Amino acid sequence: MSIPECQFSSIALKHPEAFKGNSIVEPYDYGTKEICYKRIGSRAGSAEPLVNELLNVEYPFDKQPQLATYVSAQVVDGRVQGVTFSTHGVRTQELVLSSLEQKFGKPTNLITTTEQNGFGAKFEVIRASWAMPNDITVTFQGAASRFDAGLVSILTSAARAQQEQKNRQLLGAGTPM
């Protein structure tokens, strides 16, 4: 990674044993002065090398990306193989789509659907995808799980395979009904 790990809190520095293997309390300072990454769950604060994991990318308040609300990086075999970020949903989807088109060209697939929330309000939702050279896929959902939260994913085939494997594990771990 070309960005550093985020700074640990003073409590984590004084009592690192309290944070080892703790998947609930993270050892990092709140806020950051530079762009950095945080390890997730029990790997937070670990000295283990980055091999196969998802990282949260944190930004200083004054350097927040304009179109993204939450950024993560997917590491596969020690290399960043995917970046995913949330957007502000349908209210900025045209701007996000335009930015993606400037970067990646016209999408391979583009659809707009009309969807409705629980109160009966209807929204046009844009979905687009790009099949890039070198087996990179870019996907955009103007609204993902909510109308105020969209999603952009830029993944290599290695990142997609890792996600599919994790999904299979999650589905296999469920209890049959």
N, C-alpha and C. Protein backbone atom coordinates (compact mmCIF):
# COMPACT_ATOMS: atom_id res chain seq x y z
N MET A 1 0.86 -1.18 0.00
CA MET A 1 0.00 0.00 0.00
C MET A 1 0.90 1.23 0.00
N SER A 2 0.51 2.20 -0.77
CA SER A 2 1.29 3.43 -0.79
C SER A 2 0.78 4.45 0.22
N ILE A 3 -0.25 4.10 0.96
CA ILE A 3 -0.69 4.98 2.05
C ILE A 3 -0.42 4.26 3.37
N PRO A 4 -0.16 5.02 4.44
CA PRO A 4 0.19 4.38 5.71
C PRO A 4 -1.04 3.88 6.46
N GLU A 5 -0.78 3.02 7.42
CA GLU A 5 -1.84 2.61 8.35
C GLU A 5 -2.14 3.81 9.24
N CYS A 6 -3.39 3.97 9.63
CA CYS A 6 -3.79 5.08 10.50
C CYS A 6 -3.09 4.97 11.85
N GLN A 7 -2.98 6.10 12.52
CA GLN A 7 -2.33 6.17 13.82
C GLN A 7 -3.17 5.47 14.89
N PHE A 8 -2.49 4.79 15.80
CA PHE A 8 -3.18 4.15 16.92
C PHE A 8 -3.49 5.20 17.98
N SER A 9 -4.53 4.96 18.73
CA SER A 9 -4.89 5.86 19.82
C SER A 9 -3.86 5.72 20.94
N SER A 10 -3.80 6.71 21.82
CA SER A 10 -2.84 6.65 22.93
C SER A 10 -3.15 5.47 23.84
N ILE A 11 -4.42 5.12 24.00
CA ILE A 11 -4.80 3.97 24.83
C ILE A 11 -4.28 2.68 24.19
N ALA A 12 -4.42 2.56 22.87
CA ALA A 12 -3.95 1.36 22.18
C ALA A 12 -2.43 1.24 22.27
N LEU A 13 -1.74 2.38 22.25
CA LEU A 13 -0.28 2.33 22.36
C LEU A 13 0.16 1.92 23.76
N LYS A 14 -0.58 2.35 24.78
CA LYS A 14 -0.24 2.00 26.17
C LYS A 14 -0.66 0.59 26.53
N HIS A 15 -1.77 0.12 25.95
CA HIS A 15 -2.32 -1.19 26.29
C HIS A 15 -2.65 -2.00 25.03
N PRO A 16 -1.65 -2.34 24.22
CA PRO A 16 -1.94 -3.04 22.96
C PRO A 16 -2.61 -4.39 23.16
N GLU A 17 -2.37 -5.03 24.30
CA GLU A 17 -2.98 -6.34 24.56
C GLU A 17 -4.51 -6.26 24.60
N ALA A 18 -5.05 -5.10 24.94
CA ALA A 18 -6.50 -4.94 25.02
C ALA A 18 -7.15 -4.95 23.64
N PHE A 19 -6.36 -4.73 22.60
CA PHE A 19 -6.91 -4.63 21.25
C PHE A 19 -6.56 -5.82 20.37
N LYS A 20 -5.64 -6.65 20.79
CA LYS A 20 -5.25 -7.81 19.96
C LYS A 20 -6.40 -8.79 19.84
N GLY A 21 -6.77 -9.08 18.61
CA GLY A 21 -7.84 -10.03 18.37
C GLY A 21 -9.22 -9.51 18.70
N ASN A 22 -9.34 -8.24 19.06
CA ASN A 22 -10.63 -7.65 19.41
C ASN A 22 -11.30 -7.16 18.13
N SER A 23 -12.39 -7.77 17.74
CA SER A 23 -13.05 -7.38 16.50
C SER A 23 -14.10 -6.30 16.71
N ILE A 24 -14.29 -5.84 17.94
CA ILE A 24 -15.31 -4.83 18.21
C ILE A 24 -14.71 -3.44 18.39
N VAL A 25 -13.68 -3.34 19.21
CA VAL A 25 -13.07 -2.04 19.51
C VAL A 25 -11.83 -1.88 18.66
N GLU A 26 -11.78 -0.81 17.85
CA GLU A 26 -10.61 -0.62 17.01
C GLU A 26 -9.58 0.24 17.74
N PRO A 27 -8.29 0.01 17.48
CA PRO A 27 -7.23 0.71 18.20
C PRO A 27 -6.85 2.07 17.61
N TYR A 28 -7.56 2.52 16.58
CA TYR A 28 -7.14 3.71 15.86
C TYR A 28 -7.70 4.99 16.47
N ASP A 29 -6.96 6.08 16.26
CA ASP A 29 -7.43 7.41 16.65
C ASP A 29 -8.68 7.74 15.85
N TYR A 30 -9.54 8.55 16.45
CA TYR A 30 -10.70 9.06 15.72
C TYR A 30 -10.23 10.25 14.90
N GLY A 31 -10.55 10.26 13.64
CA GLY A 31 -10.09 11.34 12.76
C GLY A 31 -8.65 11.10 12.36
N THR A 32 -8.24 11.76 11.30
CA THR A 32 -6.88 11.58 10.80
C THR A 32 -6.41 12.88 10.15
N LYS A 33 -5.11 13.09 10.13
CA LYS A 33 -4.53 14.27 9.50
C LYS A 33 -4.03 13.97 8.09
N GLU A 34 -3.99 12.68 7.74
CA GLU A 34 -3.53 12.27 6.42
C GLU A 34 -4.38 11.09 5.95
N ILE A 35 -4.38 10.86 4.66
CA ILE A 35 -5.08 9.70 4.12
C ILE A 35 -4.35 8.46 4.65
N CYS A 36 -5.12 7.52 5.17
CA CYS A 36 -4.53 6.31 5.76
C CYS A 36 -5.54 5.17 5.68
N TYR A 37 -5.11 3.98 6.04
CA TYR A 37 -6.02 2.84 6.05
C TYR A 37 -6.17 2.27 7.45
N LYS A 38 -7.33 1.66 7.68
CA LYS A 38 -7.60 0.95 8.93
C LYS A 38 -7.89 -0.49 8.60
N ARG A 39 -7.26 -1.39 9.32
CA ARG A 39 -7.58 -2.81 9.18
C ARG A 39 -8.90 -3.06 9.90
N ILE A 40 -9.64 -4.04 9.45
CA ILE A 40 -10.98 -4.28 9.95
C ILE A 40 -11.00 -5.50 10.87
N GLY A 41 -11.81 -5.41 11.90
CA GLY A 41 -12.04 -6.56 12.77
C GLY A 41 -10.82 -6.97 13.57
N SER A 42 -10.61 -8.26 13.69
CA SER A 42 -9.55 -8.78 14.57
C SER A 42 -8.15 -8.48 14.04
N ARG A 43 -8.02 -8.07 12.79
CA ARG A 43 -6.70 -7.74 12.25
C ARG A 43 -6.29 -6.30 12.57
N ALA A 44 -7.21 -5.49 13.10
CA ALA A 44 -6.89 -4.11 13.44
C ALA A 44 -5.75 -4.10 14.44
N GLY A 45 -4.72 -3.34 14.14
CA GLY A 45 -3.57 -3.24 15.02
C GLY A 45 -2.59 -4.39 14.90
N SER A 46 -2.85 -5.33 14.02
CA SER A 46 -1.99 -6.49 13.86
C SER A 46 -0.70 -6.12 13.13
N ALA A 47 0.38 -6.77 13.50
CA ALA A 47 1.66 -6.57 12.81
C ALA A 47 1.79 -7.48 11.60
N GLU A 48 0.79 -8.35 11.38
CA GLU A 48 0.82 -9.25 10.23
C GLU A 48 0.82 -8.44 8.93
N PRO A 49 1.49 -8.93 7.90
CA PRO A 49 1.47 -8.21 6.62
C PRO A 49 0.07 -8.25 5.99
N LEU A 50 -0.19 -7.27 5.14
CA LEU A 50 -1.45 -7.24 4.41
C LEU A 50 -1.40 -8.31 3.33
N VAL A 51 -2.29 -9.29 3.41
CA VAL A 51 -2.28 -10.36 2.42
C VAL A 51 -3.64 -10.46 1.73
N ASN A 52 -4.65 -10.89 2.44
CA ASN A 52 -6.00 -11.03 1.89
C ASN A 52 -6.99 -10.43 2.88
N GLU A 53 -7.33 -9.17 2.68
CA GLU A 53 -8.26 -8.53 3.59
C GLU A 53 -8.84 -7.26 2.99
N LEU A 54 -9.87 -6.77 3.63
CA LEU A 54 -10.53 -5.53 3.25
C LEU A 54 -10.07 -4.44 4.21
N LEU A 55 -9.75 -3.27 3.67
CA LEU A 55 -9.27 -2.15 4.47
C LEU A 55 -10.21 -0.96 4.30
N ASN A 56 -10.44 -0.22 5.37
CA ASN A 56 -11.16 1.04 5.27
C ASN A 56 -10.14 2.13 4.98
N VAL A 57 -10.44 2.99 4.02
CA VAL A 57 -9.56 4.11 3.71
C VAL A 57 -10.17 5.35 4.36
N GLU A 58 -9.37 6.02 5.18
CA GLU A 58 -9.83 7.20 5.92
C GLU A 58 -9.21 8.46 5.33
N TYR A 59 -10.00 9.54 5.34
CA TYR A 59 -9.55 10.82 4.82
C TYR A 59 -9.65 11.89 5.89
N PRO A 60 -8.72 12.87 5.89
CA PRO A 60 -8.90 14.01 6.79
C PRO A 60 -10.18 14.75 6.40
N PHE A 61 -10.77 15.41 7.37
CA PHE A 61 -12.03 16.11 7.13
C PHE A 61 -11.94 17.05 5.93
N ASP A 62 -10.83 17.77 5.80
CA ASP A 62 -10.70 18.77 4.73
C ASP A 62 -10.28 18.16 3.39
N LYS A 63 -10.10 16.84 3.33
CA LYS A 63 -9.71 16.18 2.08
C LYS A 63 -10.68 15.07 1.69
N GLN A 64 -11.89 15.12 2.21
CA GLN A 64 -12.89 14.11 1.89
C GLN A 64 -13.17 14.13 0.38
N PRO A 65 -13.27 12.97 -0.26
CA PRO A 65 -13.63 12.95 -1.68
C PRO A 65 -15.03 13.55 -1.87
N GLN A 66 -15.20 14.29 -2.93
CA GLN A 66 -16.48 14.96 -3.19
C GLN A 66 -17.61 13.97 -3.42
N LEU A 67 -17.36 12.89 -4.11
CA LEU A 67 -18.42 11.98 -4.51
C LEU A 67 -18.52 10.72 -3.67
N ALA A 68 -17.59 10.52 -2.76
CA ALA A 68 -17.57 9.27 -1.99
C ALA A 68 -17.82 9.53 -0.51
N THR A 69 -18.55 8.62 0.12
CA THR A 69 -18.79 8.74 1.56
C THR A 69 -18.03 7.70 2.37
N TYR A 70 -17.66 6.60 1.77
CA TYR A 70 -16.97 5.50 2.45
C TYR A 70 -16.14 4.79 1.40
N VAL A 71 -14.85 4.61 1.67
CA VAL A 71 -13.96 4.00 0.69
C VAL A 71 -13.30 2.78 1.32
N SER A 72 -13.25 1.68 0.57
CA SER A 72 -12.53 0.50 1.04
C SER A 72 -11.63 -0.01 -0.08
N ALA A 73 -10.55 -0.66 0.34
CA ALA A 73 -9.61 -1.27 -0.59
C ALA A 73 -9.54 -2.76 -0.29
N GLN A 74 -9.58 -3.56 -1.34
CA GLN A 74 -9.54 -5.01 -1.19
C GLN A 74 -8.14 -5.51 -1.58
N VAL A 75 -7.46 -6.13 -0.62
CA VAL A 75 -6.12 -6.65 -0.84
C VAL A 75 -6.21 -8.15 -1.10
N VAL A 76 -5.60 -8.59 -2.19
CA VAL A 76 -5.53 -10.01 -2.54
C VAL A 76 -4.07 -10.33 -2.80
N ASP A 77 -3.55 -11.32 -2.10
CA ASP A 77 -2.15 -11.74 -2.24
C ASP A 77 -1.19 -10.55 -2.10
N GLY A 78 -1.50 -9.66 -1.15
CA GLY A 78 -0.60 -8.56 -0.83
C GLY A 78 -0.68 -7.34 -1.73
N ARG A 79 -1.60 -7.36 -2.70
CA ARG A 79 -1.74 -6.23 -3.62
C ARG A 79 -3.18 -5.74 -3.63
N VAL A 80 -3.35 -4.42 -3.75
CA VAL A 80 -4.70 -3.86 -3.86
C VAL A 80 -5.27 -4.31 -5.21
N GLN A 81 -6.38 -5.05 -5.14
CA GLN A 81 -7.02 -5.58 -6.34
C GLN A 81 -8.44 -5.03 -6.54
N GLY A 82 -8.88 -4.20 -5.59
CA GLY A 82 -10.22 -3.64 -5.72
C GLY A 82 -10.39 -2.41 -4.85
N VAL A 83 -11.20 -1.49 -5.34
CA VAL A 83 -11.59 -0.30 -4.59
C VAL A 83 -13.09 -0.17 -4.71
N THR A 84 -13.74 0.04 -3.58
CA THR A 84 -15.19 0.22 -3.55
C THR A 84 -15.49 1.47 -2.75
N PHE A 85 -16.45 2.26 -3.23
CA PHE A 85 -16.85 3.42 -2.44
C PHE A 85 -18.34 3.68 -2.55
N SER A 86 -18.88 4.19 -1.46
CA SER A 86 -20.29 4.58 -1.41
C SER A 86 -20.40 5.99 -1.95
N THR A 87 -21.57 6.29 -2.52
CA THR A 87 -21.85 7.64 -3.01
C THR A 87 -23.05 8.20 -2.25
N HIS A 88 -23.46 9.39 -2.62
CA HIS A 88 -24.58 10.04 -1.95
C HIS A 88 -25.93 9.64 -2.55
N GLY A 89 -25.96 8.58 -3.33
CA GLY A 89 -27.23 8.04 -3.84
C GLY A 89 -27.77 8.79 -5.04
N VAL A 90 -29.10 8.74 -5.18
CA VAL A 90 -29.74 9.26 -6.39
C VAL A 90 -29.53 10.75 -6.59
N ARG A 91 -29.31 11.50 -5.52
CA ARG A 91 -29.16 12.95 -5.70
C ARG A 91 -27.87 13.32 -6.41
N THR A 92 -26.86 12.44 -6.42
CA THR A 92 -25.60 12.74 -7.13
C THR A 92 -25.28 11.72 -8.21
N GLN A 93 -26.22 10.83 -8.54
CA GLN A 93 -25.88 9.74 -9.45
C GLN A 93 -25.49 10.22 -10.85
N GLU A 94 -26.10 11.29 -11.35
CA GLU A 94 -25.72 11.80 -12.68
C GLU A 94 -24.28 12.32 -12.66
N LEU A 95 -23.89 13.01 -11.60
CA LEU A 95 -22.53 13.52 -11.47
C LEU A 95 -21.52 12.37 -11.34
N VAL A 96 -21.87 11.35 -10.57
CA VAL A 96 -20.98 10.19 -10.43
C VAL A 96 -20.84 9.48 -11.77
N LEU A 97 -21.95 9.27 -12.47
CA LEU A 97 -21.90 8.61 -13.78
C LEU A 97 -21.04 9.42 -14.74
N SER A 98 -21.20 10.72 -14.77
CA SER A 98 -20.41 11.57 -15.65
C SER A 98 -18.92 11.46 -15.32
N SER A 99 -18.58 11.45 -14.04
CA SER A 99 -17.18 11.31 -13.63
C SER A 99 -16.61 9.96 -14.05
N LEU A 100 -17.40 8.91 -13.88
CA LEU A 100 -16.95 7.57 -14.29
C LEU A 100 -16.78 7.49 -15.81
N GLU A 101 -17.69 8.14 -16.55
CA GLU A 101 -17.57 8.14 -18.01
C GLU A 101 -16.32 8.91 -18.45
N GLN A 102 -15.99 9.99 -17.76
CA GLN A 102 -14.76 10.73 -18.09
C GLN A 102 -13.53 9.86 -17.87
N LYS A 103 -13.57 9.04 -16.83
CA LYS A 103 -12.43 8.20 -16.49
C LYS A 103 -12.36 6.92 -17.34
N PHE A 104 -13.52 6.26 -17.55
CA PHE A 104 -13.53 4.93 -18.17
C PHE A 104 -14.22 4.87 -19.54
N GLY A 105 -14.77 5.98 -20.02
CA GLY A 105 -15.47 5.98 -21.30
C GLY A 105 -16.93 5.57 -21.12
N LYS A 106 -17.60 5.34 -22.25
CA LYS A 106 -19.01 4.94 -22.19
C LYS A 106 -19.14 3.57 -21.54
N PRO A 107 -20.16 3.40 -20.70
CA PRO A 107 -20.32 2.09 -20.05
C PRO A 107 -20.69 1.00 -21.05
N THR A 108 -20.29 -0.21 -20.74
CA THR A 108 -20.67 -1.38 -21.53
C THR A 108 -22.17 -1.64 -21.41
N ASN A 109 -22.69 -1.46 -20.20
CA ASN A 109 -24.12 -1.63 -19.92
C ASN A 109 -24.60 -0.42 -19.14
N LEU A 110 -25.80 0.07 -19.49
CA LEU A 110 -26.38 1.21 -18.79
C LEU A 110 -27.89 1.05 -18.78
N ILE A 111 -28.48 1.02 -17.59
CA ILE A 111 -29.93 0.94 -17.48
C ILE A 111 -30.40 1.94 -16.42
N THR A 112 -31.61 2.41 -16.60
CA THR A 112 -32.26 3.27 -15.61
C THR A 112 -33.60 2.63 -15.28
N THR A 113 -33.87 2.48 -14.00
CA THR A 113 -35.14 1.89 -13.56
C THR A 113 -35.84 2.87 -12.64
N THR A 114 -37.15 2.74 -12.55
CA THR A 114 -37.92 3.53 -11.60
C THR A 114 -38.18 2.67 -10.39
N GLU A 115 -37.80 3.17 -9.23
CA GLU A 115 -37.99 2.43 -7.98
C GLU A 115 -38.74 3.30 -6.99
N GLN A 116 -39.35 2.66 -6.02
CA GLN A 116 -40.21 3.37 -5.07
C GLN A 116 -39.79 3.05 -3.64
N ASN A 117 -39.80 4.07 -2.79
CA ASN A 117 -39.48 3.84 -1.38
C ASN A 117 -40.74 3.46 -0.60
N GLY A 118 -40.61 3.23 0.69
CA GLY A 118 -41.72 2.79 1.52
C GLY A 118 -42.82 3.83 1.68
N PHE A 119 -42.54 5.08 1.34
CA PHE A 119 -43.55 6.14 1.46
C PHE A 119 -44.24 6.42 0.13
N GLY A 120 -43.87 5.69 -0.90
CA GLY A 120 -44.50 5.85 -2.20
C GLY A 120 -43.77 6.79 -3.15
N ALA A 121 -42.69 7.44 -2.71
CA ALA A 121 -41.93 8.32 -3.59
C ALA A 121 -41.16 7.48 -4.61
N LYS A 122 -41.16 7.94 -5.86
CA LYS A 122 -40.48 7.20 -6.92
C LYS A 122 -39.20 7.91 -7.32
N PHE A 123 -38.19 7.10 -7.65
CA PHE A 123 -36.88 7.61 -8.02
C PHE A 123 -36.38 6.87 -9.25
N GLU A 124 -35.69 7.60 -10.12
CA GLU A 124 -34.98 6.98 -11.24
C GLU A 124 -33.62 6.56 -10.71
N VAL A 125 -33.26 5.30 -10.90
CA VAL A 125 -31.98 4.77 -10.41
C VAL A 125 -31.15 4.31 -11.61
N ILE A 126 -29.93 4.82 -11.68
CA ILE A 126 -29.01 4.47 -12.77
C ILE A 126 -28.11 3.32 -12.31
N ARG A 127 -27.92 2.36 -13.22
CA ARG A 127 -26.97 1.27 -12.99
C ARG A 127 -26.12 1.17 -14.26
N ALA A 128 -24.81 1.06 -14.08
CA ALA A 128 -23.91 0.98 -15.23
C ALA A 128 -22.74 0.05 -14.90
N SER A 129 -22.15 -0.49 -15.96
CA SER A 129 -20.95 -1.31 -15.77
C SER A 129 -20.03 -1.14 -16.97
N TRP A 130 -18.76 -1.32 -16.70
CA TRP A 130 -17.72 -1.21 -17.71
C TRP A 130 -16.89 -2.48 -17.65
N ALA A 131 -16.66 -3.10 -18.81
CA ALA A 131 -15.73 -4.22 -18.91
C ALA A 131 -14.44 -3.65 -19.48
N MET A 132 -13.42 -3.55 -18.64
CA MET A 132 -12.18 -2.89 -19.02
C MET A 132 -11.14 -3.91 -19.46
N PRO A 133 -10.09 -3.43 -20.14
CA PRO A 133 -8.98 -4.33 -20.47
C PRO A 133 -8.36 -4.88 -19.18
N ASN A 134 -7.57 -5.90 -19.31
CA ASN A 134 -6.89 -6.53 -18.17
C ASN A 134 -7.87 -7.10 -17.16
N ASP A 135 -9.09 -7.43 -17.62
CA ASP A 135 -10.09 -8.10 -16.80
C ASP A 135 -10.51 -7.30 -15.57
N ILE A 136 -10.56 -5.99 -15.70
CA ILE A 136 -11.06 -5.11 -14.64
C ILE A 136 -12.51 -4.78 -14.92
N THR A 137 -13.34 -4.84 -13.89
CA THR A 137 -14.75 -4.51 -14.01
C THR A 137 -15.08 -3.33 -13.12
N VAL A 138 -15.80 -2.39 -13.68
CA VAL A 138 -16.29 -1.23 -12.93
C VAL A 138 -17.80 -1.33 -12.91
N THR A 139 -18.40 -1.24 -11.73
CA THR A 139 -19.86 -1.25 -11.62
C THR A 139 -20.31 -0.03 -10.82
N PHE A 140 -21.46 0.50 -11.19
CA PHE A 140 -22.04 1.66 -10.52
C PHE A 140 -23.52 1.42 -10.29
N GLN A 141 -23.96 1.66 -9.07
CA GLN A 141 -25.38 1.63 -8.72
C GLN A 141 -25.72 2.98 -8.13
N GLY A 142 -26.62 3.73 -8.78
CA GLY A 142 -27.02 5.04 -8.27
C GLY A 142 -27.63 4.96 -6.89
N ALA A 143 -28.31 3.86 -6.61
CA ALA A 143 -28.84 3.57 -5.27
C ALA A 143 -28.59 2.09 -5.03
N ALA A 144 -27.98 1.79 -3.90
CA ALA A 144 -27.69 0.39 -3.57
C ALA A 144 -28.74 -0.10 -2.59
N SER A 145 -28.45 -0.08 -1.32
CA SER A 145 -29.41 -0.56 -0.33
C SER A 145 -30.42 0.51 0.08
N ARG A 146 -30.09 1.78 -0.19
CA ARG A 146 -30.96 2.91 0.15
C ARG A 146 -30.88 3.93 -0.98
N PHE A 147 -31.86 4.84 -1.05
CA PHE A 147 -31.85 5.85 -2.10
C PHE A 147 -30.80 6.93 -1.86
N ASP A 148 -30.30 7.05 -0.63
CA ASP A 148 -29.27 8.04 -0.35
C ASP A 148 -27.87 7.42 -0.29
N ALA A 149 -27.72 6.21 -0.82
CA ALA A 149 -26.42 5.54 -0.82
C ALA A 149 -26.25 4.73 -2.09
N GLY A 150 -25.37 5.19 -2.96
CA GLY A 150 -25.02 4.45 -4.16
C GLY A 150 -23.72 3.69 -3.92
N LEU A 151 -23.24 3.00 -4.97
CA LEU A 151 -22.05 2.17 -4.81
C LEU A 151 -21.28 2.11 -6.11
N VAL A 152 -19.95 2.26 -6.02
CA VAL A 152 -19.04 2.08 -7.15
C VAL A 152 -18.02 1.02 -6.74
N SER A 153 -17.79 0.04 -7.61
CA SER A 153 -16.77 -0.99 -7.37
C SER A 153 -15.86 -1.08 -8.59
N ILE A 154 -14.57 -1.10 -8.33
CA ILE A 154 -13.57 -1.28 -9.37
C ILE A 154 -12.74 -2.49 -8.93
N LEU A 155 -12.92 -3.60 -9.65
CA LEU A 155 -12.35 -4.88 -9.19
C LEU A 155 -11.61 -5.60 -10.30
N THR A 156 -10.51 -6.23 -9.92
CA THR A 156 -9.82 -7.14 -10.83
C THR A 156 -10.52 -8.50 -10.73
N SER A 157 -10.13 -9.42 -11.59
CA SER A 157 -10.70 -10.77 -11.52
C SER A 157 -10.32 -11.44 -10.20
N ALA A 158 -9.13 -11.15 -9.66
CA ALA A 158 -8.72 -11.73 -8.37
C ALA A 158 -9.62 -11.24 -7.25
N ALA A 159 -9.98 -9.97 -7.26
CA ALA A 159 -10.87 -9.42 -6.22
C ALA A 159 -12.27 -10.01 -6.35
N ARG A 160 -12.75 -10.14 -7.59
CA ARG A 160 -14.08 -10.74 -7.79
C ARG A 160 -14.09 -12.19 -7.31
N ALA A 161 -13.04 -12.94 -7.60
CA ALA A 161 -12.97 -14.34 -7.17
C ALA A 161 -12.95 -14.43 -5.65
N GLN A 162 -12.21 -13.53 -4.98
CA GLN A 162 -12.16 -13.54 -3.52
C GLN A 162 -13.55 -13.22 -2.95
N GLN A 163 -14.25 -12.25 -3.53
CA GLN A 163 -15.59 -11.91 -3.05
C GLN A 163 -16.56 -13.08 -3.25
N GLU A 164 -16.48 -13.74 -4.41
CA GLU A 164 -17.35 -14.88 -4.67
C GLU A 164 -17.09 -16.01 -3.68
N GLN A 165 -15.82 -16.25 -3.37
CA GLN A 165 -15.48 -17.30 -2.40
C GLN A 165 -16.05 -16.95 -1.02
N LYS A 166 -15.91 -15.71 -0.60
CA LYS A 166 -16.46 -15.31 0.70
C LYS A 166 -17.98 -15.44 0.72
N ASN A 167 -18.62 -15.08 -0.38
CA ASN A 167 -20.08 -15.22 -0.46
C ASN A 167 -20.49 -16.69 -0.35
N ARG A 168 -19.76 -17.57 -1.03
CA ARG A 168 -20.06 -19.01 -0.93
C ARG A 168 -19.88 -19.51 0.49
N GLN A 169 -18.83 -19.03 1.17
CA GLN A 169 -18.59 -19.43 2.56
C GLN A 169 -19.73 -18.95 3.45
N LEU A 170 -20.17 -17.72 3.24
CA LEU A 170 -21.27 -17.19 4.05
C LEU A 170 -22.56 -17.97 3.81
N LEU A 171 -22.83 -18.27 2.54
CA LEU A 171 -24.04 -19.04 2.24
C LEU A 171 -23.95 -20.45 2.77
N GLY A 172 -22.76 -21.05 2.73
CA GLY A 172 -22.57 -22.41 3.23
C GLY A 172 -22.62 -22.49 4.74
N ALA A 173 -22.33 -21.35 5.42
CA ALA A 173 -22.31 -21.33 6.87
C ALA A 173 -23.71 -21.18 7.47
N GLY A 174 -24.68 -20.88 6.62
CA GLY A 174 -26.04 -20.67 7.13
C GLY A 174 -26.70 -21.97 7.56
N THR A 175 -27.73 -21.83 8.35
CA THR A 175 -28.48 -22.99 8.81
C THR A 175 -29.62 -23.27 7.84
N PRO A 176 -29.72 -24.49 7.33
CA PRO A 176 -30.83 -24.79 6.41
C PRO A 176 -32.16 -24.65 7.13
N MET A 177 -33.15 -24.22 6.37
CA MET A 177 -34.49 -24.04 6.97
C MET A 177 -35.30 -25.31 6.85
